[in-house]
Amino acid sequence: MFKGLIITHGNLGDEMVSVAEGILEQKVDVDSFSFDWREDGTETLDRLDRYLKKNKDHHIVIFTDMFGGSPTNISLKFNRGNIEVITGVNLPGFLKFLTHKDKDKDLDFKEFVRLIKKESIDGINLISEYLGVKKK
């Protein structure tokens, strides 16, 4: 079973969960931690450690908001076989995770996180590449 956790600056993760629940019209099984950048990160690190110990029998995808940011840096300590950190969380990738985490039981964990990464990247588009540029 795949579990998900979002760690972001401020309330971004909470809002991602809320938006996903609105789109999917159901409660989602994902936890969200808000990182307070005015703190030293100890509380978030302790909370993450407790979460991972509680869910040690699962494959866990940790979504963070930005590569190089404190939520990512804290999460890197735990990146190992059953835990993967995906930085730059966006709605397309997050929705792919939510809609496939219980469906693709035979999918290898590393293949699953690559699928999420691909969906995240494919969800970023330049509209002018599809519609062209309007002339004034």
N, C-alpha and C. Protein backbone atom coordinates (compact mmCIF):
# COMPACT_ATOMS: atom_id res chain seq x y z
N MET A 1 0.84 -1.19 0.00
CA MET A 1 0.00 0.00 0.00
C MET A 1 0.89 1.25 0.00
N PHE A 2 0.49 2.25 -0.75
CA PHE A 2 1.22 3.50 -0.85
C PHE A 2 0.56 4.55 0.04
N LYS A 3 1.37 5.22 0.84
CA LYS A 3 0.89 6.31 1.69
C LYS A 3 1.50 7.61 1.17
N GLY A 4 0.82 8.71 1.44
CA GLY A 4 1.31 10.01 1.01
C GLY A 4 1.35 11.01 2.13
N LEU A 5 2.31 11.90 2.05
CA LEU A 5 2.49 12.97 3.02
C LEU A 5 2.96 14.21 2.26
N ILE A 6 2.38 15.36 2.60
CA ILE A 6 2.82 16.62 1.99
C ILE A 6 3.44 17.47 3.09
N ILE A 7 4.65 17.96 2.84
CA ILE A 7 5.30 18.88 3.76
C ILE A 7 5.64 20.14 2.96
N THR A 8 5.06 21.25 3.37
CA THR A 8 5.25 22.50 2.62
C THR A 8 5.46 23.68 3.57
N HIS A 9 5.93 24.76 3.00
CA HIS A 9 5.96 26.02 3.72
C HIS A 9 4.52 26.49 3.91
N GLY A 10 4.20 27.02 5.07
CA GLY A 10 2.86 27.54 5.32
C GLY A 10 1.79 26.48 5.14
N ASN A 11 0.64 26.89 4.68
CA ASN A 11 -0.52 26.01 4.55
C ASN A 11 -0.74 25.46 3.15
N LEU A 12 0.27 25.53 2.30
CA LEU A 12 0.13 25.07 0.92
C LEU A 12 -0.31 23.61 0.86
N GLY A 13 0.29 22.75 1.67
CA GLY A 13 -0.07 21.33 1.66
C GLY A 13 -1.51 21.09 2.08
N ASP A 14 -1.94 21.79 3.13
CA ASP A 14 -3.33 21.67 3.58
C ASP A 14 -4.30 22.07 2.47
N GLU A 15 -3.95 23.12 1.76
CA GLU A 15 -4.80 23.59 0.66
C GLU A 15 -4.81 22.60 -0.50
N MET A 16 -3.67 21.99 -0.78
CA MET A 16 -3.62 20.96 -1.86
C MET A 16 -4.56 19.81 -1.50
N VAL A 17 -4.52 19.37 -0.25
CA VAL A 17 -5.41 18.29 0.18
C VAL A 17 -6.86 18.72 0.06
N SER A 18 -7.17 19.93 0.49
CA SER A 18 -8.54 20.43 0.42
C SER A 18 -9.05 20.51 -1.02
N VAL A 19 -8.22 21.02 -1.92
CA VAL A 19 -8.60 21.13 -3.34
C VAL A 19 -8.80 19.74 -3.94
N ALA A 20 -7.89 18.82 -3.64
CA ALA A 20 -8.02 17.45 -4.15
C ALA A 20 -9.31 16.80 -3.66
N GLU A 21 -9.65 17.02 -2.40
CA GLU A 21 -10.89 16.46 -1.86
C GLU A 21 -12.10 17.05 -2.58
N GLY A 22 -12.04 18.33 -2.91
CA GLY A 22 -13.13 18.96 -3.66
C GLY A 22 -13.26 18.39 -5.06
N ILE A 23 -12.14 18.20 -5.74
CA ILE A 23 -12.16 17.66 -7.10
C ILE A 23 -12.64 16.22 -7.11
N LEU A 24 -12.11 15.42 -6.19
CA LEU A 24 -12.45 13.99 -6.14
C LEU A 24 -13.76 13.71 -5.41
N GLU A 25 -14.28 14.73 -4.74
CA GLU A 25 -15.53 14.62 -3.99
C GLU A 25 -15.48 13.50 -2.95
N GLN A 26 -14.34 13.42 -2.28
CA GLN A 26 -14.18 12.44 -1.21
C GLN A 26 -13.00 12.82 -0.33
N LYS A 27 -12.99 12.33 0.88
CA LYS A 27 -11.86 12.52 1.79
C LYS A 27 -10.67 11.73 1.27
N VAL A 28 -9.48 12.29 1.35
CA VAL A 28 -8.29 11.59 0.88
C VAL A 28 -7.42 11.20 2.08
N ASP A 29 -6.74 10.07 1.94
CA ASP A 29 -5.89 9.55 3.00
C ASP A 29 -4.45 10.03 2.78
N VAL A 30 -4.23 11.30 3.08
CA VAL A 30 -2.91 11.91 2.96
C VAL A 30 -2.78 12.87 4.14
N ASP A 31 -1.62 12.83 4.78
CA ASP A 31 -1.34 13.78 5.85
C ASP A 31 -0.60 14.97 5.29
N SER A 32 -0.71 16.08 5.98
CA SER A 32 -0.04 17.30 5.55
C SER A 32 0.59 17.97 6.76
N PHE A 33 1.87 18.32 6.62
CA PHE A 33 2.58 19.06 7.66
C PHE A 33 2.94 20.43 7.12
N SER A 34 2.69 21.43 7.92
CA SER A 34 3.09 22.79 7.56
C SER A 34 4.42 23.09 8.23
N PHE A 35 5.37 23.55 7.44
CA PHE A 35 6.68 23.92 7.98
C PHE A 35 6.65 25.41 8.30
N ASP A 36 6.96 25.75 9.53
CA ASP A 36 7.03 27.15 9.95
C ASP A 36 8.48 27.61 9.79
N TRP A 37 8.75 28.43 8.78
CA TRP A 37 10.11 28.84 8.48
C TRP A 37 10.71 29.74 9.55
N ARG A 38 9.91 30.17 10.53
CA ARG A 38 10.46 30.94 11.65
C ARG A 38 11.05 30.02 12.72
N GLU A 39 10.80 28.71 12.59
CA GLU A 39 11.33 27.72 13.53
C GLU A 39 12.59 27.09 12.95
N ASP A 40 13.27 26.28 13.73
CA ASP A 40 14.51 25.64 13.27
C ASP A 40 14.27 24.30 12.58
N GLY A 41 13.04 23.84 12.52
CA GLY A 41 12.72 22.59 11.83
C GLY A 41 12.66 21.38 12.73
N THR A 42 13.05 21.54 13.99
CA THR A 42 13.08 20.40 14.92
C THR A 42 11.71 19.77 15.08
N GLU A 43 10.68 20.60 15.21
CA GLU A 43 9.32 20.07 15.39
C GLU A 43 8.87 19.28 14.16
N THR A 44 9.12 19.81 12.98
CA THR A 44 8.75 19.11 11.75
C THR A 44 9.54 17.81 11.61
N LEU A 45 10.80 17.85 11.92
CA LEU A 45 11.64 16.65 11.86
C LEU A 45 11.13 15.57 12.81
N ASP A 46 10.79 15.94 14.04
CA ASP A 46 10.25 14.99 15.01
C ASP A 46 8.91 14.43 14.55
N ARG A 47 8.08 15.29 14.03
CA ARG A 47 6.76 14.86 13.54
C ARG A 47 6.91 13.89 12.36
N LEU A 48 7.82 14.19 11.45
CA LEU A 48 8.07 13.33 10.31
C LEU A 48 8.61 11.97 10.78
N ASP A 49 9.53 11.98 11.71
CA ASP A 49 10.09 10.74 12.24
C ASP A 49 8.99 9.87 12.86
N ARG A 50 8.09 10.46 13.64
CA ARG A 50 6.96 9.72 14.23
C ARG A 50 6.03 9.16 13.15
N TYR A 51 5.74 9.96 12.14
CA TYR A 51 4.86 9.52 11.04
C TYR A 51 5.47 8.31 10.32
N LEU A 52 6.76 8.39 10.03
CA LEU A 52 7.42 7.30 9.30
C LEU A 52 7.52 6.03 10.13
N LYS A 53 7.75 6.16 11.41
CA LYS A 53 7.77 4.98 12.28
C LYS A 53 6.39 4.33 12.35
N LYS A 54 5.37 5.14 12.43
CA LYS A 54 3.99 4.64 12.49
C LYS A 54 3.61 3.91 11.20
N ASN A 55 4.15 4.35 10.08
CA ASN A 55 3.80 3.80 8.76
C ASN A 55 4.95 3.01 8.14
N LYS A 56 5.80 2.43 8.96
CA LYS A 56 7.01 1.77 8.48
C LYS A 56 6.76 0.59 7.55
N ASP A 57 5.56 0.03 7.59
CA ASP A 57 5.26 -1.12 6.73
C ASP A 57 4.71 -0.72 5.36
N HIS A 58 4.70 0.57 5.08
CA HIS A 58 4.15 1.08 3.83
C HIS A 58 5.24 1.70 2.98
N HIS A 59 4.97 1.80 1.69
CA HIS A 59 5.76 2.64 0.81
C HIS A 59 5.18 4.04 0.95
N ILE A 60 6.03 5.02 1.12
CA ILE A 60 5.57 6.37 1.41
C ILE A 60 6.15 7.35 0.39
N VAL A 61 5.27 8.18 -0.17
CA VAL A 61 5.68 9.26 -1.04
C VAL A 61 5.55 10.55 -0.23
N ILE A 62 6.67 11.25 -0.07
CA ILE A 62 6.66 12.55 0.60
C ILE A 62 6.72 13.61 -0.49
N PHE A 63 5.68 14.42 -0.56
CA PHE A 63 5.64 15.54 -1.51
C PHE A 63 6.12 16.79 -0.78
N THR A 64 7.03 17.53 -1.39
CA THR A 64 7.45 18.81 -0.83
C THR A 64 7.26 19.88 -1.89
N ASP A 65 7.27 21.13 -1.44
CA ASP A 65 6.93 22.21 -2.36
C ASP A 65 8.08 22.66 -3.25
N MET A 66 9.34 22.52 -2.79
CA MET A 66 10.42 23.11 -3.57
C MET A 66 11.74 22.41 -3.27
N PHE A 67 12.43 22.04 -4.32
CA PHE A 67 13.76 21.46 -4.15
C PHE A 67 14.67 22.51 -3.52
N GLY A 68 15.40 22.11 -2.48
CA GLY A 68 16.30 23.03 -1.80
C GLY A 68 15.66 23.76 -0.64
N GLY A 69 14.34 23.67 -0.51
CA GLY A 69 13.64 24.30 0.60
C GLY A 69 13.73 23.45 1.87
N SER A 70 13.44 24.05 2.99
CA SER A 70 13.54 23.35 4.27
C SER A 70 12.70 22.08 4.34
N PRO A 71 11.44 22.06 3.86
CA PRO A 71 10.68 20.81 3.90
C PRO A 71 11.39 19.67 3.16
N THR A 72 11.99 19.97 2.02
CA THR A 72 12.74 18.96 1.27
C THR A 72 13.99 18.56 2.02
N ASN A 73 14.73 19.52 2.50
CA ASN A 73 15.97 19.23 3.20
C ASN A 73 15.74 18.34 4.42
N ILE A 74 14.66 18.59 5.14
CA ILE A 74 14.32 17.75 6.30
C ILE A 74 13.97 16.34 5.84
N SER A 75 13.26 16.22 4.73
CA SER A 75 12.81 14.92 4.23
C SER A 75 13.93 14.07 3.67
N LEU A 76 14.99 14.69 3.17
CA LEU A 76 16.08 13.96 2.53
C LEU A 76 16.72 12.93 3.45
N LYS A 77 16.71 13.20 4.73
CA LYS A 77 17.29 12.29 5.71
C LYS A 77 16.61 10.91 5.65
N PHE A 78 15.36 10.89 5.21
CA PHE A 78 14.57 9.66 5.25
C PHE A 78 14.42 8.99 3.89
N ASN A 79 14.97 9.57 2.85
CA ASN A 79 14.83 9.01 1.50
C ASN A 79 15.57 7.67 1.43
N ARG A 80 14.80 6.59 1.30
CA ARG A 80 15.38 5.25 1.22
C ARG A 80 14.42 4.34 0.46
N GLY A 81 14.66 3.06 0.43
CA GLY A 81 13.92 2.11 -0.39
C GLY A 81 12.41 2.24 -0.40
N ASN A 82 11.78 2.35 0.77
CA ASN A 82 10.33 2.41 0.82
C ASN A 82 9.80 3.84 0.95
N ILE A 83 10.70 4.82 0.88
CA ILE A 83 10.31 6.23 1.00
C ILE A 83 10.94 6.99 -0.16
N GLU A 84 10.12 7.78 -0.85
CA GLU A 84 10.61 8.61 -1.95
C GLU A 84 10.12 10.04 -1.73
N VAL A 85 10.99 11.00 -1.98
CA VAL A 85 10.65 12.41 -1.87
C VAL A 85 10.47 12.97 -3.27
N ILE A 86 9.30 13.57 -3.53
CA ILE A 86 9.03 14.24 -4.80
C ILE A 86 8.92 15.74 -4.51
N THR A 87 9.80 16.52 -5.11
CA THR A 87 9.78 17.97 -4.88
C THR A 87 8.95 18.66 -5.95
N GLY A 88 8.52 19.88 -5.65
CA GLY A 88 7.74 20.66 -6.62
C GLY A 88 6.34 20.13 -6.79
N VAL A 89 5.71 19.73 -5.69
CA VAL A 89 4.37 19.15 -5.77
C VAL A 89 3.43 20.08 -6.55
N ASN A 90 2.65 19.48 -7.43
CA ASN A 90 1.61 20.23 -8.12
C ASN A 90 0.34 19.37 -8.18
N LEU A 91 -0.75 19.98 -8.55
CA LEU A 91 -2.03 19.29 -8.52
C LEU A 91 -2.12 18.11 -9.48
N PRO A 92 -1.63 18.19 -10.71
CA PRO A 92 -1.70 17.02 -11.59
C PRO A 92 -0.99 15.79 -11.02
N GLY A 93 0.21 15.97 -10.50
CA GLY A 93 0.95 14.84 -9.93
C GLY A 93 0.30 14.32 -8.66
N PHE A 94 -0.19 15.23 -7.83
CA PHE A 94 -0.84 14.84 -6.59
C PHE A 94 -2.12 14.06 -6.87
N LEU A 95 -2.90 14.51 -7.85
CA LEU A 95 -4.13 13.78 -8.21
C LEU A 95 -3.81 12.41 -8.79
N LYS A 96 -2.73 12.30 -9.56
CA LYS A 96 -2.31 11.00 -10.09
C LYS A 96 -2.01 10.05 -8.93
N PHE A 97 -1.28 10.56 -7.94
CA PHE A 97 -0.99 9.74 -6.76
C PHE A 97 -2.29 9.27 -6.10
N LEU A 98 -3.20 10.19 -5.87
CA LEU A 98 -4.43 9.86 -5.15
C LEU A 98 -5.31 8.88 -5.91
N THR A 99 -5.35 9.00 -7.22
CA THR A 99 -6.24 8.15 -8.01
C THR A 99 -5.63 6.80 -8.37
N HIS A 100 -4.33 6.64 -8.13
CA HIS A 100 -3.67 5.38 -8.49
C HIS A 100 -3.02 4.64 -7.31
N LYS A 101 -2.96 5.27 -6.15
CA LYS A 101 -2.24 4.66 -5.03
C LYS A 101 -2.85 3.35 -4.56
N ASP A 102 -4.12 3.16 -4.76
CA ASP A 102 -4.78 1.92 -4.35
C ASP A 102 -5.12 1.02 -5.54
N LYS A 103 -5.00 1.54 -6.75
CA LYS A 103 -5.34 0.76 -7.95
C LYS A 103 -4.19 -0.09 -8.44
N ASP A 104 -3.02 0.47 -8.46
CA ASP A 104 -1.86 -0.18 -9.07
C ASP A 104 -1.08 -1.00 -8.06
N LYS A 105 -1.73 -1.98 -7.46
CA LYS A 105 -1.10 -2.78 -6.41
C LYS A 105 0.09 -3.59 -6.92
N ASP A 106 0.09 -3.94 -8.19
CA ASP A 106 1.19 -4.72 -8.74
C ASP A 106 2.32 -3.83 -9.27
N LEU A 107 2.11 -2.54 -9.27
CA LEU A 107 3.11 -1.61 -9.79
C LEU A 107 4.25 -1.47 -8.79
N ASP A 108 5.46 -1.60 -9.26
CA ASP A 108 6.65 -1.41 -8.45
C ASP A 108 6.66 0.02 -7.91
N PHE A 109 7.11 0.19 -6.68
CA PHE A 109 7.11 1.51 -6.04
C PHE A 109 7.88 2.54 -6.85
N LYS A 110 9.06 2.19 -7.33
CA LYS A 110 9.86 3.15 -8.10
C LYS A 110 9.17 3.51 -9.42
N GLU A 111 8.50 2.54 -10.04
CA GLU A 111 7.73 2.84 -11.26
C GLU A 111 6.58 3.79 -10.93
N PHE A 112 5.96 3.56 -9.78
CA PHE A 112 4.84 4.40 -9.35
C PHE A 112 5.28 5.86 -9.16
N VAL A 113 6.40 6.08 -8.48
CA VAL A 113 6.84 7.46 -8.26
C VAL A 113 7.30 8.11 -9.57
N ARG A 114 7.85 7.32 -10.49
CA ARG A 114 8.20 7.88 -11.81
C ARG A 114 6.93 8.29 -12.57
N LEU A 115 5.86 7.52 -12.43
CA LEU A 115 4.57 7.85 -13.04
C LEU A 115 4.04 9.18 -12.49
N ILE A 116 4.17 9.36 -11.19
CA ILE A 116 3.73 10.62 -10.57
C ILE A 116 4.58 11.78 -11.07
N LYS A 117 5.89 11.58 -11.15
CA LYS A 117 6.77 12.64 -11.65
C LYS A 117 6.40 13.02 -13.09
N LYS A 118 6.17 12.01 -13.93
CA LYS A 118 5.81 12.27 -15.32
C LYS A 118 4.51 13.06 -15.40
N GLU A 119 3.52 12.67 -14.63
CA GLU A 119 2.23 13.39 -14.64
C GLU A 119 2.41 14.82 -14.15
N SER A 120 3.26 15.01 -13.16
CA SER A 120 3.54 16.36 -12.65
C SER A 120 4.14 17.23 -13.74
N ILE A 121 5.13 16.70 -14.43
CA ILE A 121 5.80 17.45 -15.50
C ILE A 121 4.85 17.68 -16.66
N ASP A 122 4.11 16.64 -17.06
CA ASP A 122 3.17 16.77 -18.17
C ASP A 122 2.03 17.75 -17.86
N GLY A 123 1.80 18.00 -16.58
CA GLY A 123 0.74 18.93 -16.19
C GLY A 123 1.14 20.39 -16.30
N ILE A 124 2.39 20.65 -16.64
CA ILE A 124 2.88 22.02 -16.82
C ILE A 124 2.94 22.31 -18.31
N ASN A 125 2.22 23.32 -18.73
CA ASN A 125 2.13 23.64 -20.15
C ASN A 125 2.21 25.14 -20.39
N LEU A 126 2.66 25.49 -21.55
CA LEU A 126 2.60 26.88 -22.01
C LEU A 126 1.41 26.97 -22.97
N ILE A 127 0.43 27.74 -22.62
CA ILE A 127 -0.78 27.83 -23.43
C ILE A 127 -0.47 28.32 -24.84
N SER A 128 0.52 29.22 -24.97
CA SER A 128 0.85 29.74 -26.30
C SER A 128 1.35 28.63 -27.23
N GLU A 129 1.87 27.54 -26.69
CA GLU A 129 2.30 26.42 -27.53
C GLU A 129 1.10 25.68 -28.12
N TYR A 130 -0.06 25.82 -27.49
CA TYR A 130 -1.26 25.18 -28.00
C TYR A 130 -2.10 26.14 -28.84
N LEU A 131 -2.19 27.38 -28.39
CA LEU A 131 -3.09 28.32 -29.03
C LEU A 131 -2.38 29.37 -29.89
N GLY A 132 -1.05 29.42 -29.77
CA GLY A 132 -0.33 30.47 -30.46
C GLY A 132 -0.40 31.75 -29.66
N VAL A 133 0.17 32.77 -30.21
CA VAL A 133 0.19 34.07 -29.53
C VAL A 133 -0.75 35.00 -30.28
N LYS A 134 -1.64 35.66 -29.54
CA LYS A 134 -2.58 36.60 -30.15
C LYS A 134 -1.82 37.84 -30.62
N LYS A 135 -2.18 38.31 -31.77
CA LYS A 135 -1.61 39.57 -32.25
C LYS A 135 -2.50 40.68 -31.77
N LYS A 136 -1.87 41.80 -31.44
CA LYS A 136 -2.62 42.95 -30.92
C LYS A 136 -3.53 43.54 -31.93
